[in-house]
């Protein structure tokens, strides 16, 4: 059992399932926020404030969803990432050399 937990492929699978679950939850929350906009009727005095609050929350959900998708792609698909921007270099590599 412990040997299986240390297997890099098993850990990648667990991370992929976790990120996919988080993405699903965030997507459902975004749909719920969008439904709140369409639900009516609203008191005219509260409509601008309600749109501001829901819009801000929706942006936060979309930002978190972007982080989840980035983490998922980096965890599962990419083994090495490198970038160069304005003379600065960045490199990150992953592999099978985790806990042993």
Foldseek 3Di string as FASTA:
>chain_A
DVVLVLFLVSVLVVLLVVLVVLLVVLVVVLVVLVVVLVDDDDDVVCNVVSCVVSVVVNVVSVVVSVVSVVVNCCSHPDQKDWDADPRDIDIDGHDRPDDD
